[in-house]
Amino acid sequence: MPHWSVYTGDHEPHDGIDDLPAPPPWRAFDGGPALPPPHDGDDTSAVSPDRVHRAKSYVATPETVRLVNAALVLRRPLLVTGPPGTGKSSLAYAVARELRLGPVLRWNITSRSTLADGLYQYDPLSRLYAAREGRNRPGSVEDHLRLGPLGTALLPYDRPRALLVDEIDKSDLDLPNDLLNVLEEGQYEIPELVRAARHSGDGAAEVLADGTDSAVTVRRGRVRCRAFPFVVLTSNGEREFPPAFLRRCVRLKLRRPDRDQLTDIVRAHLDTPDGDADRLITRFLERASGGELATDQLLNALYLTGVAGLDADSRDDLAEQLMPYLSATADTDGF
C-alpha cells in the first residue's frame, strides 16, 4: 500500500485519517474555530442496521481503494459512476466507517434540487408566525434556519465529514455548475445571517446542523471548512456533465462484478453454502450477459431461496422470477 494511502478497504476501523498527507497548496482551508468530529450516535438514522451492514459488507476493488485515497489526498470530490446495484452509494458508508469520519451526511438529488437545498433551509413563514405571536427574540433568524447536508459538511471540523450526494445525474442542468464554486472554495454564506449580523454584537448565531439536534456557531453568516469533506457524487450515467465540473472531480467508474467479485460480495453479505451460491452466481452471470441485472437481485434470490428450503429445481424457478431484467428491451424468456 503506498504511503499516502489511508483507506484500505479492509473494514477494520482505524484513525489513519490523522496521517493524511497535507493538502496541495491550492486546496488548503483554514476555517475555524475547529469543531470536534461528531460521534456515530449523534445521528441515529446514520447508524441504522441497513447502513451499518452496507458499510461492513462493502467489497472494494484495488482501483476503488486507489481512487478513494486520491480524492482524500487531493481534497477533491469523488464522482462514482456505474450501473445500478454496483455499490456506488455504499462506498461512502464503507469509507466513513473505516476512517471514523462520523455519520454520513446524505443529500438525495431530484430534478427539483437546488444548491440552496444542500446548504441550508430557511423557513420565513415560521418566523413570521412567531413574530405575530410575540415569540421572536432579537436575532432569532437562526431559530428558523437549519444547515443542509452540504452546508454541514463544510463546517470547520477537525476531521473530514463524509457527504453522499446521491444520483446527481437526476438534477437539472444547472446544479453541477452551481456546485463548482462551493466545492472549489470550500465556503459559503447564509444571506439571512449576514444581514442579521449587522444588528448584533459579535455576529454569532447558533444554528442546527443536519442530522442532529445540536447547534453549531456560525459567525457573521459565513461558513468555511477546515478539513475538506470526503464527498461522493454518484451517477447512473444517465447524462453528461460539463468539463469544468469533471476536471474538479476524481472519477471512478464501477463495472459489473466478475465471478470472483460476486463470490466475495455474497460471502460478505450472506452465510450461504458455497455450492448453493456458485449455482446461482453461474445462473446470474449467464442471465446478465443478455440484459441488465443488479447485484442486489442476486443477493435477494440467494437469501429467499435459502430461507425457503427449496430443492434445486424450485430454487432455480424462484431465482428467475426474482432476477428480471431491468431494461425493458432485454429478452426475458428464461435463463
Protein backbone atom coordinates (compact mmCIF):
# COMPACT_ATOMS: atom_id res chain seq x y z
CA MET A 1 0.00 0.00 0.00
CA PRO A 2 1.53 3.42 -0.97
CA HIS A 3 2.47 5.60 1.99
CA TRP A 4 -0.17 8.19 1.07
CA SER A 5 -2.99 5.67 1.37
CA VAL A 6 -5.18 5.86 4.46
CA TYR A 7 -8.22 3.90 3.22
CA THR A 8 -7.51 0.18 2.87
CA GLY A 9 -10.90 -1.37 2.17
CA ASP A 10 -10.29 -3.95 4.92
CA HIS A 11 -13.35 -2.90 7.00
CA GLU A 12 -11.39 -2.53 10.25
CA PRO A 13 -11.98 0.97 11.70
CA HIS A 14 -8.83 2.98 12.43
CA ASP A 15 -7.54 6.54 12.85
CA GLY A 16 -5.42 6.60 9.70
CA ILE A 17 -7.16 9.81 8.59
CA ASP A 18 -4.94 11.61 11.10
CA ASP A 19 -1.94 10.59 8.94
CA LEU A 20 -3.44 12.01 5.74
CA PRO A 21 -0.74 13.99 3.87
CA ALA A 22 -1.02 17.75 3.80
CA PRO A 23 -3.27 19.11 1.03
CA PRO A 24 -1.93 20.72 -2.13
CA PRO A 25 -1.38 24.45 -1.55
CA TRP A 26 -4.38 25.27 -3.73
CA ARG A 27 -6.66 23.01 -1.65
CA ALA A 28 -5.71 24.17 1.85
CA PHE A 29 -8.52 25.53 4.04
CA ASP A 30 -8.39 27.37 7.36
CA GLY A 31 -11.94 27.63 8.67
CA GLY A 32 -12.49 27.93 12.40
CA PRO A 33 -12.91 27.71 15.23
CA ALA A 34 -12.32 23.99 14.88
CA LEU A 35 -15.18 21.64 15.67
CA PRO A 36 -14.65 18.14 17.07
CA PRO A 37 -15.80 15.29 14.82
CA PRO A 38 -19.28 14.01 15.68
CA HIS A 39 -19.93 10.55 17.07
CA ASP A 40 -21.90 7.96 15.14
CA GLY A 41 -24.60 8.04 17.78
CA ASP A 42 -25.24 11.75 17.14
CA ASP A 43 -27.37 10.81 14.11
CA THR A 44 -29.49 7.72 14.77
CA SER A 45 -30.52 7.36 11.11
CA ALA A 46 -26.85 7.10 10.11
CA VAL A 47 -26.35 4.05 12.33
CA SER A 48 -29.48 2.22 11.24
CA PRO A 49 -28.90 -1.53 10.74
CA ASP A 50 -29.08 -1.32 6.93
CA ARG A 51 -26.43 1.40 6.70
CA VAL A 52 -24.15 -0.36 9.17
CA HIS A 53 -24.45 -3.59 7.19
CA ARG A 54 -23.67 -1.81 3.91
CA ALA A 55 -20.56 -0.29 5.45
CA LYS A 56 -19.31 -3.58 6.89
CA SER A 57 -20.01 -5.70 3.82
CA TYR A 58 -18.75 -3.42 1.05
CA VAL A 59 -16.15 -5.13 -1.14
CA ALA A 60 -13.74 -2.59 -2.60
CA THR A 61 -11.64 -3.28 -5.69
CA PRO A 62 -7.98 -2.19 -5.81
CA GLU A 63 -8.95 0.58 -8.25
CA THR A 64 -11.60 1.83 -5.83
CA VAL A 65 -9.10 1.92 -2.95
CA ARG A 66 -6.59 3.88 -5.07
CA LEU A 67 -9.07 6.49 -6.24
CA VAL A 68 -10.67 6.95 -2.82
CA ASN A 69 -7.22 7.73 -1.44
CA ALA A 70 -6.53 10.06 -4.38
CA ALA A 71 -9.71 12.01 -3.62
CA LEU A 72 -8.82 12.21 0.08
CA VAL A 73 -5.27 13.43 -0.52
CA LEU A 74 -6.21 15.91 -3.26
CA ARG A 75 -9.25 17.16 -1.31
CA ARG A 76 -11.43 16.65 -4.36
CA PRO A 77 -14.94 15.17 -4.74
CA LEU A 78 -15.14 11.56 -5.94
CA LEU A 79 -17.54 11.13 -8.86
CA VAL A 80 -18.65 7.49 -8.90
CA THR A 81 -20.46 6.25 -11.99
CA GLY A 82 -21.74 2.81 -12.86
CA PRO A 83 -24.83 0.68 -13.43
CA PRO A 84 -27.47 0.33 -10.70
CA GLY A 85 -26.58 -2.11 -7.94
CA THR A 86 -22.79 -1.78 -8.18
CA GLY A 87 -22.38 -0.26 -4.70
CA LYS A 88 -21.89 3.40 -5.54
CA SER A 89 -23.65 4.84 -2.50
CA SER A 90 -22.43 2.07 -0.17
CA LEU A 91 -18.85 3.22 -0.79
CA ALA A 92 -19.42 6.41 1.21
CA TYR A 93 -20.60 4.41 4.24
CA ALA A 94 -17.68 1.98 3.98
CA VAL A 95 -15.07 4.75 3.89
CA ALA A 96 -16.73 6.70 6.70
CA ARG A 97 -16.82 3.62 8.92
CA GLU A 98 -13.22 2.56 8.32
CA LEU A 99 -11.77 6.06 8.74
CA ARG A 100 -14.09 7.00 11.63
CA LEU A 101 -15.45 10.08 9.87
CA GLY A 102 -18.71 10.03 11.83
CA PRO A 103 -22.26 9.80 10.46
CA VAL A 104 -22.58 10.06 6.68
CA LEU A 105 -24.40 13.19 5.53
CA ARG A 106 -26.74 12.25 2.68
CA TRP A 107 -28.22 14.55 0.03
CA ASN A 108 -30.65 12.74 -2.27
CA ILE A 109 -30.89 14.62 -5.56
CA THR A 110 -34.10 15.08 -7.55
CA SER A 111 -34.92 17.12 -10.63
CA ARG A 112 -36.04 19.95 -8.31
CA SER A 113 -32.92 20.04 -6.11
CA THR A 114 -31.04 23.34 -5.89
CA LEU A 115 -27.74 24.35 -4.34
CA ALA A 116 -29.60 26.17 -1.57
CA ASP A 117 -31.35 22.90 -0.57
CA GLY A 118 -27.98 21.33 0.14
CA LEU A 119 -26.57 24.33 2.02
CA TYR A 120 -29.42 25.27 4.37
CA GLN A 121 -33.18 25.54 4.75
CA TYR A 122 -34.79 28.75 5.98
CA ASP A 123 -38.48 28.95 6.92
CA PRO A 124 -39.60 32.60 6.75
CA LEU A 125 -43.23 31.68 7.38
CA SER A 126 -42.49 30.14 10.77
CA ARG A 127 -40.54 33.28 11.66
CA LEU A 128 -43.50 35.43 10.62
CA TYR A 129 -45.91 33.38 12.72
CA ALA A 130 -43.54 33.57 15.70
CA ALA A 131 -43.33 37.36 15.32
CA ARG A 132 -47.11 37.67 15.26
CA GLU A 133 -47.35 35.66 18.47
CA GLY A 134 -44.58 37.64 20.12
CA ARG A 135 -42.28 34.63 20.38
CA ASN A 136 -39.37 36.07 18.39
CA ARG A 137 -36.32 37.17 20.34
CA PRO A 138 -33.68 39.61 19.00
CA GLY A 139 -31.57 37.95 16.31
CA SER A 140 -33.88 34.97 16.22
CA VAL A 141 -33.49 34.29 12.50
CA GLU A 142 -31.32 31.26 13.37
CA ASP A 143 -34.30 29.69 15.15
CA HIS A 144 -35.90 29.19 11.74
CA LEU A 145 -32.84 28.01 9.86
CA ARG A 146 -31.14 24.62 9.63
CA LEU A 147 -27.99 23.63 7.74
CA GLY A 148 -28.38 21.07 4.97
CA PRO A 149 -26.05 18.10 4.34
CA LEU A 150 -23.66 20.07 2.12
CA GLY A 151 -23.71 23.06 4.45
CA THR A 152 -22.98 20.82 7.44
CA ALA A 153 -20.14 19.00 5.64
CA LEU A 154 -18.39 22.36 5.08
CA LEU A 155 -18.35 23.31 8.76
CA PRO A 156 -14.80 23.64 10.19
CA TYR A 157 -14.47 20.10 11.54
CA ASP A 158 -11.07 18.78 12.65
CA ARG A 159 -11.66 15.67 10.52
CA PRO A 160 -13.34 15.44 7.13
CA ARG A 161 -17.05 14.69 7.17
CA ALA A 162 -18.41 12.14 4.69
CA LEU A 163 -21.02 13.56 2.30
CA LEU A 164 -23.01 11.42 -0.13
CA VAL A 165 -24.62 13.37 -2.99
CA ASP A 166 -26.74 10.59 -4.42
CA GLU A 167 -27.81 10.40 -8.09
CA ILE A 168 -26.56 13.81 -9.16
CA ASP A 169 -27.40 12.86 -12.75
CA LYS A 170 -31.08 13.34 -11.85
CA SER A 171 -30.54 17.05 -11.15
CA ASP A 172 -31.44 19.85 -13.52
CA LEU A 173 -28.72 21.12 -15.85
CA ASP A 174 -27.60 23.94 -13.55
CA LEU A 175 -26.85 22.09 -10.31
CA PRO A 176 -23.40 20.64 -11.23
CA ASN A 177 -22.21 24.09 -12.28
CA ASP A 178 -23.75 25.66 -9.17
CA LEU A 179 -21.75 23.21 -7.03
CA LEU A 180 -18.46 24.22 -8.66
CA ASN A 181 -17.80 27.39 -6.70
CA VAL A 182 -18.81 25.99 -3.30
CA LEU A 183 -16.73 22.81 -3.69
CA GLU A 184 -13.82 24.78 -5.12
CA GLU A 185 -13.79 27.44 -2.40
CA GLY A 186 -14.91 25.22 0.49
CA GLN A 187 -17.09 28.00 1.84
CA TYR A 188 -20.46 29.73 1.52
CA GLU A 189 -22.58 32.49 3.01
CA ILE A 190 -26.05 32.47 4.53
CA PRO A 191 -27.54 35.82 3.46
CA GLU A 192 -30.17 35.82 6.23
CA LEU A 193 -27.44 35.54 8.87
CA VAL A 194 -25.18 38.05 7.13
CA ARG A 195 -27.98 40.63 7.32
CA ALA A 196 -28.80 39.74 10.93
CA ALA A 197 -25.11 40.06 11.91
CA ARG A 198 -25.22 43.80 11.18
CA HIS A 199 -27.55 44.25 14.12
CA SER A 200 -25.80 42.01 16.65
CA GLY A 201 -22.65 42.47 18.67
CA ASP A 202 -20.42 39.54 17.77
CA GLY A 203 -22.46 38.32 14.80
CA ALA A 204 -22.58 34.79 16.21
CA ALA A 205 -25.62 32.60 15.52
CA GLU A 206 -26.39 29.16 16.90
CA VAL A 207 -27.71 27.05 14.01
CA LEU A 208 -28.87 23.45 13.93
CA ALA A 209 -26.72 21.16 11.78
CA ASP A 210 -28.03 18.39 9.55
CA GLY A 211 -28.69 15.04 11.22
CA THR A 212 -28.57 16.32 14.78
CA ASP A 213 -30.41 18.47 17.29
CA SER A 214 -27.17 20.10 18.37
CA ALA A 215 -26.38 23.67 17.34
CA VAL A 216 -23.13 24.96 15.89
CA THR A 217 -21.85 28.53 15.90
CA VAL A 218 -21.85 30.41 12.59
CA ARG A 219 -20.16 33.81 12.71
CA ARG A 220 -21.42 36.66 10.55
CA GLY A 221 -23.24 34.24 8.31
CA ARG A 222 -20.08 32.75 6.80
CA VAL A 223 -19.03 29.11 6.84
CA ARG A 224 -15.59 27.87 5.74
CA CYS A 225 -14.32 24.32 6.04
CA ARG A 226 -11.14 23.31 7.83
CA ALA A 227 -10.83 19.69 6.68
CA PHE A 228 -12.35 19.36 3.21
CA PRO A 229 -15.10 16.72 3.36
CA PHE A 230 -14.94 13.34 1.66
CA VAL A 231 -17.60 13.96 -1.00
CA VAL A 232 -19.03 11.06 -3.01
CA LEU A 233 -21.15 12.07 -6.00
CA THR A 234 -22.98 9.11 -7.55
CA SER A 235 -24.34 8.84 -11.08
CA ASN A 236 -26.00 6.09 -13.07
CA GLY A 237 -24.55 7.59 -16.23
CA GLU A 238 -27.87 8.95 -17.46
CA ARG A 239 -26.33 12.27 -18.56
CA GLU A 240 -23.07 14.01 -19.38
CA PHE A 241 -21.51 16.58 -17.05
CA PRO A 242 -19.76 19.81 -18.12
CA PRO A 243 -15.95 19.62 -18.47
CA ALA A 244 -15.45 22.30 -15.79
CA PHE A 245 -17.26 20.06 -13.32
CA LEU A 246 -15.47 16.86 -14.35
CA ARG A 247 -11.98 18.30 -14.06
CA ARG A 248 -12.62 19.18 -10.44
CA CYS A 249 -13.53 15.60 -9.55
CA VAL A 250 -11.61 12.35 -9.15
CA ARG A 251 -13.57 9.94 -11.35
CA LEU A 252 -14.26 6.30 -10.50
CA LYS A 253 -16.20 4.06 -12.87
CA LEU A 254 -17.60 0.91 -11.27
CA ARG A 255 -18.15 -2.06 -13.55
CA ARG A 256 -20.23 -5.19 -13.25
CA PRO A 257 -18.51 -7.57 -10.80
CA ASP A 258 -16.98 -10.74 -12.22
CA ARG A 259 -17.38 -14.20 -10.70
CA ASP A 260 -14.66 -13.77 -8.09
CA GLN A 261 -16.01 -10.39 -7.01
CA LEU A 262 -19.57 -11.74 -6.85
CA THR A 263 -18.37 -14.62 -4.68
CA ASP A 264 -16.68 -12.16 -2.29
CA ILE A 265 -19.81 -9.99 -2.22
CA VAL A 266 -22.06 -12.95 -1.42
CA ARG A 267 -19.73 -14.10 1.37
CA ALA A 268 -19.68 -10.60 2.83
CA HIS A 269 -23.48 -10.33 2.87
CA LEU A 270 -24.78 -13.87 3.43
CA ASP A 271 -23.83 -17.11 5.12
CA THR A 272 -24.73 -19.12 2.03
CA PRO A 273 -23.08 -22.52 1.39
CA ASP A 274 -20.56 -22.18 -1.43
CA GLY A 275 -22.25 -24.87 -3.52
CA ASP A 276 -25.64 -23.16 -3.49
CA ALA A 277 -24.08 -19.76 -4.10
CA ASP A 278 -21.96 -21.00 -7.02
CA ARG A 279 -25.02 -22.39 -8.77
CA LEU A 280 -26.98 -19.15 -8.59
CA ILE A 281 -23.92 -17.00 -9.36
CA THR A 282 -23.48 -19.01 -12.56
CA ARG A 283 -27.15 -18.50 -13.42
CA PHE A 284 -26.87 -14.80 -12.66
CA LEU A 285 -23.81 -14.33 -14.90
CA GLU A 286 -25.43 -16.27 -17.74
CA ARG A 287 -28.54 -14.17 -17.47
CA ALA A 288 -26.60 -10.90 -17.10
CA SER A 289 -24.93 -11.50 -20.46
CA GLY A 290 -28.29 -10.91 -22.11
CA GLY A 291 -29.53 -7.86 -20.23
CA GLU A 292 -29.13 -5.53 -17.28
CA LEU A 293 -29.19 -7.02 -13.79
CA ALA A 294 -28.13 -5.64 -10.39
CA THR A 295 -26.10 -7.42 -7.73
CA ASP A 296 -28.80 -6.97 -5.11
CA GLN A 297 -31.12 -9.09 -7.27
CA LEU A 298 -28.68 -11.97 -6.85
CA LEU A 299 -28.50 -11.37 -3.10
CA ASN A 300 -32.30 -11.31 -2.85
CA ALA A 301 -32.52 -14.58 -4.77
CA LEU A 302 -29.86 -16.25 -2.61
CA TYR A 303 -31.44 -15.13 0.63
CA LEU A 304 -35.01 -16.09 -0.22
CA THR A 305 -34.19 -19.43 -1.80
CA GLY A 306 -32.05 -20.22 1.24
CA VAL A 307 -34.69 -19.47 3.87
CA ALA A 308 -37.40 -21.17 1.81
CA GLY A 309 -35.55 -24.50 1.91
CA LEU A 310 -36.37 -25.34 -1.72
CA ASP A 311 -34.94 -28.11 -3.84
CA ALA A 312 -32.60 -27.22 -6.70
CA ASP A 313 -35.24 -27.01 -9.45
CA SER A 314 -37.66 -24.95 -7.38
CA ARG A 315 -34.79 -22.70 -6.31
CA ASP A 316 -33.89 -22.01 -9.96
CA ASP A 317 -37.51 -21.21 -10.84
CA LEU A 318 -37.86 -18.77 -7.95
CA ALA A 319 -34.47 -17.17 -8.70
CA GLU A 320 -35.58 -16.49 -12.29
CA GLN A 321 -38.64 -14.65 -11.01
CA LEU A 322 -36.52 -12.59 -8.62
CA MET A 323 -33.99 -11.58 -11.30
CA PRO A 324 -35.99 -9.93 -14.11
CA TYR A 325 -34.08 -7.70 -16.48
CA LEU A 326 -34.00 -4.03 -15.50
CA SER A 327 -34.13 -2.95 -19.12
CA ALA A 328 -37.46 -3.29 -20.90
CA THR A 329 -35.69 -4.08 -24.17
CA ALA A 330 -33.97 -7.23 -22.89
CA ASP A 331 -35.20 -10.67 -23.77
CA THR A 332 -36.75 -12.04 -20.59
CA ASP A 333 -37.69 -15.51 -21.76
CA GLY A 334 -35.89 -17.65 -19.21
CA PHE A 335 -32.23 -18.06 -18.45
